[in-house]
Amino acid sequence: MSFPGGTIGKMVAIVRSRPNIKVRELARELGFAEDRLVYYWIRKSGHSGIKSFKDAVLSGRIGGDAPEEPLPLHVKEAEGGTTTTVTSWEYAPLLMPGDELRVDRSRPPVDGDLVMVKLKGEEGAIRRYLVGNPALLVHPIRTYETVRVGKGGTYANASDIIMGTVICVTRRRP
């Protein structure tokens, strides 16, 4: 489901730029006199509350130009890519144990792509890349786990921690 304009589209844009925004702040950004109008629009978008709405926006299930499916599947494979297999339930239902990920180390990520990253204590973690200043790396399921990259962020350069862009996901049985 995509909401390119109107109130829901504005809400999506605000949540993408400020993932930790509260309902009161969102209401103020939209020029609403009351917080309950935010809940009205959240329900109208098919979600039961702000957490569900934020999860959908940050995982790519709804939003401006976001695809309807949560996975950015690309048919074209690039040279120099590597294949890795998901071994845990951490990313379920988006990625399941046994899924094969084709990762292109030379392709820079675009807004909403899944990327493989090297974080402190996590080699080969998967995050969703959101363009901004600073850019955000958001856990695809636990959207409250966000890492800022760039000026003022946890990491100075995205190239220091992004190991590659996920270009294809193949669902396999574990």
N, C-alpha and C. Protein backbone atom coordinates (compact mmCIF):
# COMPACT_ATOMS: atom_id res chain seq x y z
N MET A 1 0.85 -1.15 0.00
CA MET A 1 0.00 0.00 0.00
C MET A 1 0.90 1.23 0.00
N SER A 2 0.62 2.18 -0.87
CA SER A 2 1.47 3.34 -1.00
C SER A 2 0.64 4.61 -0.85
N PHE A 3 1.17 5.59 -0.17
CA PHE A 3 0.47 6.85 0.07
C PHE A 3 1.37 7.99 -0.37
N PRO A 4 1.38 8.32 -1.69
CA PRO A 4 2.32 9.31 -2.18
C PRO A 4 2.07 10.72 -1.68
N GLY A 5 0.86 11.08 -1.36
CA GLY A 5 0.60 12.46 -0.93
C GLY A 5 -0.43 12.50 0.17
N GLY A 6 -0.90 13.68 0.47
CA GLY A 6 -1.91 13.84 1.50
C GLY A 6 -1.35 13.67 2.89
N THR A 7 -2.25 13.59 3.86
CA THR A 7 -1.86 13.53 5.26
C THR A 7 -1.04 12.29 5.58
N ILE A 8 -1.46 11.14 5.08
CA ILE A 8 -0.73 9.91 5.39
C ILE A 8 0.66 9.96 4.76
N GLY A 9 0.77 10.48 3.56
CA GLY A 9 2.06 10.63 2.91
C GLY A 9 2.99 11.54 3.71
N LYS A 10 2.44 12.62 4.26
CA LYS A 10 3.24 13.52 5.10
C LYS A 10 3.68 12.80 6.37
N MET A 11 2.77 12.02 6.96
CA MET A 11 3.12 11.27 8.17
C MET A 11 4.26 10.29 7.88
N VAL A 12 4.19 9.62 6.74
CA VAL A 12 5.24 8.67 6.36
C VAL A 12 6.58 9.39 6.24
N ALA A 13 6.58 10.53 5.56
CA ALA A 13 7.82 11.29 5.38
C ALA A 13 8.40 11.74 6.73
N ILE A 14 7.55 12.19 7.63
CA ILE A 14 8.01 12.64 8.94
C ILE A 14 8.58 11.48 9.75
N VAL A 15 7.90 10.34 9.75
CA VAL A 15 8.38 9.18 10.50
C VAL A 15 9.70 8.68 9.92
N ARG A 16 9.85 8.70 8.60
CA ARG A 16 11.11 8.26 7.99
C ARG A 16 12.25 9.19 8.39
N SER A 17 11.98 10.48 8.50
CA SER A 17 13.04 11.42 8.85
C SER A 17 13.32 11.44 10.35
N ARG A 18 12.31 11.08 11.15
CA ARG A 18 12.47 11.07 12.62
C ARG A 18 11.81 9.82 13.18
N PRO A 19 12.49 8.66 13.12
CA PRO A 19 11.88 7.39 13.53
C PRO A 19 11.42 7.33 14.97
N ASN A 20 11.98 8.13 15.85
CA ASN A 20 11.60 8.07 17.27
C ASN A 20 10.59 9.14 17.65
N ILE A 21 9.93 9.74 16.68
CA ILE A 21 8.98 10.82 16.94
C ILE A 21 7.79 10.30 17.77
N LYS A 22 7.31 11.13 18.65
CA LYS A 22 6.15 10.81 19.49
C LYS A 22 4.88 11.35 18.81
N VAL A 23 3.73 10.83 19.22
CA VAL A 23 2.45 11.22 18.64
C VAL A 23 2.23 12.73 18.78
N ARG A 24 2.53 13.27 19.93
CA ARG A 24 2.33 14.71 20.17
C ARG A 24 3.18 15.54 19.20
N GLU A 25 4.45 15.13 19.00
CA GLU A 25 5.33 15.85 18.08
C GLU A 25 4.84 15.72 16.64
N LEU A 26 4.35 14.53 16.29
CA LEU A 26 3.82 14.31 14.95
C LEU A 26 2.60 15.20 14.70
N ALA A 27 1.73 15.29 15.71
CA ALA A 27 0.55 16.16 15.59
C ALA A 27 0.97 17.61 15.37
N ARG A 28 1.97 18.05 16.11
CA ARG A 28 2.45 19.43 15.98
C ARG A 28 3.04 19.67 14.59
N GLU A 29 3.84 18.71 14.09
CA GLU A 29 4.45 18.81 12.76
C GLU A 29 3.38 18.92 11.67
N LEU A 30 2.28 18.22 11.86
CA LEU A 30 1.21 18.22 10.87
C LEU A 30 0.24 19.39 11.03
N GLY A 31 0.42 20.16 12.13
CA GLY A 31 -0.46 21.30 12.37
C GLY A 31 -1.80 20.92 12.98
N PHE A 32 -1.88 19.75 13.60
CA PHE A 32 -3.11 19.30 14.24
C PHE A 32 -3.23 19.93 15.62
N ALA A 33 -4.44 20.29 16.00
CA ALA A 33 -4.68 20.86 17.32
C ALA A 33 -4.71 19.77 18.40
N GLU A 34 -5.07 18.53 18.00
CA GLU A 34 -5.20 17.45 18.96
C GLU A 34 -4.46 16.20 18.48
N ASP A 35 -3.90 15.47 19.44
CA ASP A 35 -3.18 14.23 19.14
C ASP A 35 -4.09 13.17 18.52
N ARG A 36 -5.34 13.19 18.89
CA ARG A 36 -6.24 12.12 18.43
C ARG A 36 -6.42 12.13 16.92
N LEU A 37 -6.15 13.25 16.26
CA LEU A 37 -6.23 13.28 14.80
C LEU A 37 -5.13 12.41 14.18
N VAL A 38 -3.99 12.32 14.84
CA VAL A 38 -2.93 11.43 14.36
C VAL A 38 -3.42 9.99 14.40
N TYR A 39 -4.07 9.62 15.51
CA TYR A 39 -4.60 8.25 15.63
C TYR A 39 -5.69 7.98 14.58
N TYR A 40 -6.48 8.99 14.27
CA TYR A 40 -7.50 8.85 13.22
C TYR A 40 -6.83 8.44 11.90
N TRP A 41 -5.77 9.18 11.51
CA TRP A 41 -5.10 8.90 10.25
C TRP A 41 -4.33 7.58 10.29
N ILE A 42 -3.80 7.22 11.45
CA ILE A 42 -3.12 5.94 11.58
C ILE A 42 -4.11 4.80 11.35
N ARG A 43 -5.30 4.90 11.97
CA ARG A 43 -6.34 3.88 11.76
C ARG A 43 -6.78 3.86 10.30
N LYS A 44 -6.88 5.03 9.69
CA LYS A 44 -7.31 5.12 8.28
C LYS A 44 -6.30 4.43 7.36
N SER A 45 -5.01 4.41 7.78
CA SER A 45 -3.98 3.75 6.97
C SER A 45 -3.96 2.24 7.20
N GLY A 46 -4.81 1.75 8.12
CA GLY A 46 -4.91 0.31 8.35
C GLY A 46 -4.08 -0.20 9.51
N HIS A 47 -3.66 0.71 10.39
CA HIS A 47 -2.83 0.30 11.53
C HIS A 47 -3.55 0.62 12.83
N SER A 48 -3.22 -0.16 13.86
CA SER A 48 -3.93 -0.02 15.13
C SER A 48 -3.32 1.03 16.05
N GLY A 49 -2.06 1.40 15.82
CA GLY A 49 -1.41 2.37 16.69
C GLY A 49 -0.14 2.89 16.08
N ILE A 50 0.51 3.80 16.80
CA ILE A 50 1.71 4.45 16.29
C ILE A 50 2.85 3.46 16.10
N LYS A 51 2.98 2.47 16.99
CA LYS A 51 4.07 1.49 16.85
C LYS A 51 3.90 0.68 15.57
N SER A 52 2.69 0.21 15.32
CA SER A 52 2.42 -0.56 14.11
C SER A 52 2.68 0.29 12.86
N PHE A 53 2.26 1.55 12.90
CA PHE A 53 2.45 2.46 11.77
C PHE A 53 3.95 2.69 11.52
N LYS A 54 4.70 2.98 12.59
CA LYS A 54 6.14 3.23 12.45
C LYS A 54 6.85 1.98 11.92
N ASP A 55 6.49 0.82 12.46
CA ASP A 55 7.11 -0.43 12.00
C ASP A 55 6.90 -0.61 10.50
N ALA A 56 5.68 -0.34 10.03
CA ALA A 56 5.36 -0.49 8.61
C ALA A 56 6.15 0.51 7.76
N VAL A 57 6.26 1.74 8.23
CA VAL A 57 6.99 2.76 7.48
C VAL A 57 8.47 2.43 7.42
N LEU A 58 9.07 2.11 8.56
CA LEU A 58 10.51 1.89 8.62
C LEU A 58 10.95 0.57 8.01
N SER A 59 10.03 -0.39 7.91
CA SER A 59 10.39 -1.66 7.27
C SER A 59 10.10 -1.62 5.77
N GLY A 60 9.50 -0.52 5.29
CA GLY A 60 9.26 -0.37 3.86
C GLY A 60 7.94 -0.91 3.37
N ARG A 61 7.06 -1.35 4.28
CA ARG A 61 5.78 -1.89 3.84
C ARG A 61 4.83 -0.81 3.37
N ILE A 62 4.96 0.42 3.89
CA ILE A 62 4.19 1.54 3.37
C ILE A 62 5.12 2.73 3.25
N GLY A 63 4.76 3.63 2.38
CA GLY A 63 5.55 4.85 2.27
C GLY A 63 5.71 5.31 0.85
N GLY A 64 5.91 6.60 0.69
CA GLY A 64 6.08 7.28 -0.59
C GLY A 64 6.32 6.37 -1.78
N ASP A 65 7.57 6.07 -2.07
CA ASP A 65 7.90 5.25 -3.21
C ASP A 65 8.27 3.83 -2.81
N ALA A 66 7.96 3.46 -1.58
CA ALA A 66 8.36 2.14 -1.09
C ALA A 66 7.57 1.05 -1.80
N PRO A 67 8.19 -0.11 -2.04
CA PRO A 67 7.47 -1.21 -2.68
C PRO A 67 6.44 -1.79 -1.73
N GLU A 68 5.43 -2.44 -2.30
CA GLU A 68 4.42 -3.05 -1.46
C GLU A 68 5.00 -4.20 -0.65
N GLU A 69 5.89 -4.96 -1.24
CA GLU A 69 6.53 -6.06 -0.54
C GLU A 69 7.65 -5.50 0.33
N PRO A 70 7.89 -6.08 1.50
CA PRO A 70 8.94 -5.55 2.36
C PRO A 70 10.35 -5.81 1.85
N LEU A 71 10.52 -6.75 0.92
CA LEU A 71 11.86 -7.06 0.42
C LEU A 71 12.14 -6.35 -0.89
N PRO A 72 13.29 -5.68 -1.00
CA PRO A 72 13.66 -5.11 -2.29
C PRO A 72 14.30 -6.20 -3.14
N LEU A 73 13.50 -6.87 -3.96
CA LEU A 73 14.02 -7.96 -4.77
C LEU A 73 14.48 -7.41 -6.11
N HIS A 74 15.70 -7.71 -6.46
CA HIS A 74 16.26 -7.27 -7.72
C HIS A 74 16.62 -8.49 -8.54
N VAL A 75 16.16 -8.53 -9.78
CA VAL A 75 16.41 -9.68 -10.63
C VAL A 75 17.84 -9.67 -11.13
N LYS A 76 18.34 -8.48 -11.47
CA LYS A 76 19.68 -8.35 -12.03
C LYS A 76 20.75 -8.63 -10.96
N GLU A 77 21.63 -9.54 -11.26
CA GLU A 77 22.72 -9.82 -10.33
C GLU A 77 23.98 -9.15 -10.83
N ALA A 78 24.75 -8.61 -9.93
CA ALA A 78 25.98 -7.93 -10.30
C ALA A 78 27.18 -8.84 -10.08
N GLU A 79 28.24 -8.56 -10.84
CA GLU A 79 29.48 -9.31 -10.64
C GLU A 79 30.09 -8.90 -9.31
N GLY A 80 30.86 -9.79 -8.72
CA GLY A 80 31.53 -9.47 -7.47
C GLY A 80 30.64 -9.65 -6.25
N GLY A 81 29.46 -10.19 -6.45
CA GLY A 81 28.55 -10.40 -5.33
C GLY A 81 28.90 -11.66 -4.57
N THR A 82 28.43 -11.74 -3.35
CA THR A 82 28.64 -12.93 -2.54
C THR A 82 27.28 -13.42 -2.06
N THR A 83 27.21 -14.67 -1.69
CA THR A 83 25.97 -15.24 -1.17
C THR A 83 26.18 -15.61 0.28
N THR A 84 25.21 -15.25 1.10
CA THR A 84 25.26 -15.62 2.51
C THR A 84 23.91 -16.20 2.89
N THR A 85 23.88 -17.02 3.92
CA THR A 85 22.65 -17.68 4.35
C THR A 85 22.25 -17.17 5.73
N VAL A 86 20.97 -16.86 5.88
CA VAL A 86 20.43 -16.43 7.18
C VAL A 86 20.38 -17.66 8.07
N THR A 87 20.90 -17.53 9.29
CA THR A 87 20.97 -18.69 10.19
C THR A 87 20.13 -18.52 11.46
N SER A 88 19.52 -17.35 11.66
CA SER A 88 18.74 -17.15 12.89
C SER A 88 17.33 -16.67 12.56
N TRP A 89 16.51 -16.64 13.60
CA TRP A 89 15.13 -16.16 13.47
C TRP A 89 15.02 -14.67 13.74
N GLU A 90 16.14 -13.98 13.90
CA GLU A 90 16.16 -12.57 14.28
C GLU A 90 15.37 -11.68 13.32
N TYR A 91 15.35 -12.02 12.04
CA TYR A 91 14.72 -11.15 11.04
C TYR A 91 13.37 -11.68 10.55
N ALA A 92 12.85 -12.73 11.20
CA ALA A 92 11.57 -13.32 10.79
C ALA A 92 10.44 -12.32 11.06
N PRO A 93 9.44 -12.24 10.22
CA PRO A 93 9.14 -13.03 9.02
C PRO A 93 9.76 -12.45 7.74
N LEU A 94 10.48 -11.34 7.83
CA LEU A 94 11.09 -10.74 6.64
C LEU A 94 12.10 -11.67 6.01
N LEU A 95 13.03 -12.15 6.82
CA LEU A 95 14.03 -13.12 6.38
C LEU A 95 13.97 -14.30 7.34
N MET A 96 13.97 -15.50 6.77
CA MET A 96 13.83 -16.71 7.57
C MET A 96 15.14 -17.51 7.53
N PRO A 97 15.37 -18.35 8.56
CA PRO A 97 16.55 -19.20 8.50
C PRO A 97 16.56 -20.03 7.22
N GLY A 98 17.70 -20.07 6.58
CA GLY A 98 17.83 -20.79 5.31
C GLY A 98 17.74 -19.89 4.09
N ASP A 99 17.19 -18.69 4.23
CA ASP A 99 17.13 -17.76 3.10
C ASP A 99 18.53 -17.42 2.63
N GLU A 100 18.70 -17.38 1.33
CA GLU A 100 20.00 -17.00 0.76
C GLU A 100 19.94 -15.55 0.30
N LEU A 101 20.94 -14.77 0.71
CA LEU A 101 21.02 -13.36 0.34
C LEU A 101 22.17 -13.18 -0.63
N ARG A 102 21.89 -12.56 -1.74
CA ARG A 102 22.96 -12.20 -2.69
C ARG A 102 23.35 -10.76 -2.35
N VAL A 103 24.60 -10.55 -1.98
CA VAL A 103 25.08 -9.25 -1.53
C VAL A 103 26.10 -8.73 -2.53
N ASP A 104 25.86 -7.53 -3.06
CA ASP A 104 26.78 -6.88 -3.99
C ASP A 104 27.60 -5.86 -3.21
N ARG A 105 28.87 -6.12 -3.09
CA ARG A 105 29.75 -5.24 -2.31
C ARG A 105 30.08 -3.95 -3.03
N SER A 106 29.87 -3.89 -4.34
CA SER A 106 30.23 -2.69 -5.10
C SER A 106 29.05 -1.74 -5.32
N ARG A 107 27.85 -2.20 -5.07
CA ARG A 107 26.66 -1.38 -5.33
C ARG A 107 26.32 -0.52 -4.11
N PRO A 108 26.32 0.81 -4.26
CA PRO A 108 25.94 1.66 -3.13
C PRO A 108 24.44 1.54 -2.85
N PRO A 109 24.04 1.57 -1.60
CA PRO A 109 22.62 1.42 -1.29
C PRO A 109 21.83 2.68 -1.64
N VAL A 110 20.56 2.47 -1.98
CA VAL A 110 19.62 3.58 -2.15
C VAL A 110 18.61 3.49 -1.03
N ASP A 111 17.83 4.53 -0.87
CA ASP A 111 16.87 4.62 0.22
C ASP A 111 15.96 3.39 0.28
N GLY A 112 15.95 2.73 1.43
CA GLY A 112 15.07 1.58 1.65
C GLY A 112 15.71 0.23 1.40
N ASP A 113 16.92 0.19 0.84
CA ASP A 113 17.59 -1.09 0.56
C ASP A 113 17.97 -1.80 1.85
N LEU A 114 17.98 -3.13 1.78
CA LEU A 114 18.57 -3.92 2.86
C LEU A 114 20.07 -3.96 2.60
N VAL A 115 20.85 -3.80 3.66
CA VAL A 115 22.31 -3.84 3.54
C VAL A 115 22.88 -4.78 4.60
N MET A 116 24.05 -5.34 4.28
CA MET A 116 24.78 -6.13 5.26
C MET A 116 25.79 -5.18 5.89
N VAL A 117 25.82 -5.14 7.22
CA VAL A 117 26.69 -4.20 7.92
C VAL A 117 27.54 -4.91 8.96
N LYS A 118 28.61 -4.23 9.33
CA LYS A 118 29.49 -4.71 10.39
C LYS A 118 29.37 -3.72 11.53
N LEU A 119 28.59 -4.09 12.55
CA LEU A 119 28.41 -3.25 13.72
C LEU A 119 29.24 -3.80 14.87
N LYS A 120 29.40 -2.99 15.90
CA LYS A 120 30.14 -3.46 17.08
C LYS A 120 29.45 -4.70 17.63
N GLY A 121 30.18 -5.80 17.67
CA GLY A 121 29.64 -7.04 18.21
C GLY A 121 28.75 -7.82 17.26
N GLU A 122 28.52 -7.32 16.05
CA GLU A 122 27.65 -8.00 15.08
C GLU A 122 28.28 -7.97 13.70
N GLU A 123 28.96 -9.03 13.33
CA GLU A 123 29.51 -9.12 11.98
C GLU A 123 28.44 -9.70 11.07
N GLY A 124 28.16 -9.04 9.97
CA GLY A 124 27.18 -9.55 9.01
C GLY A 124 25.74 -9.36 9.43
N ALA A 125 25.43 -8.26 10.11
CA ALA A 125 24.04 -7.96 10.48
C ALA A 125 23.31 -7.36 9.28
N ILE A 126 21.99 -7.48 9.26
CA ILE A 126 21.18 -6.92 8.19
C ILE A 126 20.43 -5.70 8.74
N ARG A 127 20.45 -4.62 7.97
CA ARG A 127 19.74 -3.40 8.35
C ARG A 127 19.11 -2.79 7.10
N ARG A 128 18.10 -1.96 7.30
CA ARG A 128 17.50 -1.20 6.20
C ARG A 128 18.17 0.17 6.19
N TYR A 129 18.62 0.60 5.01
CA TYR A 129 19.32 1.88 4.85
C TYR A 129 18.32 2.97 4.51
N LEU A 130 18.31 4.03 5.31
CA LEU A 130 17.43 5.17 5.06
C LEU A 130 18.28 6.41 4.85
N VAL A 131 18.11 7.05 3.71
CA VAL A 131 18.89 8.22 3.36
C VAL A 131 18.53 9.38 4.28
N GLY A 132 19.51 10.15 4.66
CA GLY A 132 19.28 11.32 5.49
C GLY A 132 20.61 11.89 5.94
N ASN A 133 20.56 12.90 6.75
CA ASN A 133 21.78 13.47 7.30
C ASN A 133 21.62 13.60 8.80
N PRO A 134 22.01 12.65 9.60
CA PRO A 134 22.76 11.46 9.19
C PRO A 134 21.85 10.37 8.62
N ALA A 135 22.46 9.46 7.85
CA ALA A 135 21.72 8.31 7.33
C ALA A 135 21.40 7.39 8.50
N LEU A 136 20.36 6.56 8.32
CA LEU A 136 19.96 5.63 9.38
C LEU A 136 20.10 4.19 8.90
N LEU A 137 20.54 3.33 9.79
CA LEU A 137 20.53 1.89 9.57
C LEU A 137 19.55 1.33 10.59
N VAL A 138 18.41 0.84 10.11
CA VAL A 138 17.33 0.41 10.98
C VAL A 138 17.18 -1.10 10.90
N HIS A 139 17.09 -1.74 12.08
CA HIS A 139 16.83 -3.18 12.12
C HIS A 139 15.50 -3.42 11.40
N PRO A 140 15.43 -4.36 10.46
CA PRO A 140 14.21 -4.52 9.67
C PRO A 140 12.98 -4.97 10.46
N ILE A 141 13.15 -5.54 11.64
CA ILE A 141 12.02 -5.98 12.45
C ILE A 141 11.91 -5.13 13.71
N ARG A 142 12.98 -5.05 14.46
CA ARG A 142 12.99 -4.25 15.69
C ARG A 142 13.40 -2.82 15.33
N THR A 143 12.44 -2.05 14.82
CA THR A 143 12.74 -0.73 14.26
C THR A 143 13.25 0.27 15.28
N TYR A 144 13.12 -0.04 16.55
CA TYR A 144 13.67 0.86 17.58
C TYR A 144 15.19 0.73 17.64
N GLU A 145 15.77 -0.29 17.02
CA GLU A 145 17.23 -0.44 16.96
C GLU A 145 17.73 0.32 15.74
N THR A 146 18.17 1.55 15.96
CA THR A 146 18.59 2.43 14.88
C THR A 146 20.01 2.90 15.12
N VAL A 147 20.81 2.89 14.06
CA VAL A 147 22.18 3.40 14.12
C VAL A 147 22.27 4.58 13.16
N ARG A 148 22.84 5.68 13.64
CA ARG A 148 23.03 6.86 12.80
C ARG A 148 24.42 6.82 12.18
N VAL A 149 24.48 7.14 10.87
CA VAL A 149 25.74 7.13 10.15
C VAL A 149 25.93 8.49 9.47
N GLY A 150 27.05 9.11 9.71
CA GLY A 150 27.34 10.41 9.12
C GLY A 150 27.59 11.44 10.20
N LYS A 151 27.50 12.69 9.83
CA LYS A 151 27.79 13.79 10.76
C LYS A 151 26.91 13.68 12.00
N GLY A 152 27.55 13.59 13.15
CA GLY A 152 26.84 13.49 14.42
C GLY A 152 26.34 12.09 14.74
N GLY A 153 26.65 11.11 13.89
CA GLY A 153 26.18 9.75 14.11
C GLY A 153 27.17 8.89 14.87
N THR A 154 26.78 7.65 15.13
CA THR A 154 27.63 6.70 15.81
C THR A 154 28.87 6.37 14.98
N TYR A 155 28.70 6.28 13.67
CA TYR A 155 29.79 5.99 12.74
C TYR A 155 29.95 7.18 11.80
N ALA A 156 31.20 7.53 11.47
CA ALA A 156 31.47 8.70 10.63
C ALA A 156 31.08 8.48 9.18
N ASN A 157 31.40 7.32 8.62
CA ASN A 157 31.14 7.05 7.20
C ASN A 157 30.39 5.74 7.03
N ALA A 158 29.40 5.74 6.13
CA ALA A 158 28.65 4.53 5.85
C ALA A 158 29.57 3.46 5.26
N SER A 159 30.56 3.89 4.47
CA SER A 159 31.46 2.92 3.83
C SER A 159 32.30 2.15 4.86
N ASP A 160 32.44 2.69 6.07
CA ASP A 160 33.19 2.00 7.12
C ASP A 160 32.47 0.76 7.63
N ILE A 161 31.14 0.75 7.57
CA ILE A 161 30.41 -0.37 8.15
C ILE A 161 29.51 -1.13 7.18
N ILE A 162 29.14 -0.52 6.05
CA ILE A 162 28.29 -1.22 5.08
C ILE A 162 29.16 -2.15 4.25
N MET A 163 28.87 -3.44 4.36
CA MET A 163 29.66 -4.46 3.66
C MET A 163 29.11 -4.72 2.26
N GLY A 164 27.86 -4.38 2.02
CA GLY A 164 27.27 -4.58 0.70
C GLY A 164 25.76 -4.42 0.74
N THR A 165 25.17 -4.32 -0.44
CA THR A 165 23.73 -4.15 -0.60
C THR A 165 23.10 -5.49 -0.98
N VAL A 166 22.01 -5.85 -0.32
CA VAL A 166 21.30 -7.09 -0.65
C VAL A 166 20.57 -6.85 -1.97
N ILE A 167 20.90 -7.65 -2.99
CA ILE A 167 20.28 -7.46 -4.31
C ILE A 167 19.29 -8.55 -4.65
N CYS A 168 19.32 -9.65 -3.90
CA CYS A 168 18.38 -10.74 -4.19
C CYS A 168 18.21 -11.60 -2.92
N VAL A 169 16.98 -12.00 -2.67
CA VAL A 169 16.68 -12.89 -1.55
C VAL A 169 16.00 -14.13 -2.12
N THR A 170 16.55 -15.30 -1.81
CA THR A 170 15.96 -16.55 -2.25
C THR A 170 15.49 -17.31 -1.02
N ARG A 171 14.19 -17.58 -0.96
CA ARG A 171 13.63 -18.29 0.18
C ARG A 171 13.94 -19.76 0.05
N ARG A 172 14.63 -20.29 1.06
CA ARG A 172 15.00 -21.71 1.11
C ARG A 172 14.53 -22.27 2.44
N ARG A 173 14.41 -23.55 2.50
CA ARG A 173 14.10 -24.19 3.78
C ARG A 173 15.39 -24.40 4.56
N PRO A 174 15.33 -24.24 5.89
CA PRO A 174 16.56 -24.42 6.68
C PRO A 174 17.07 -25.85 6.64
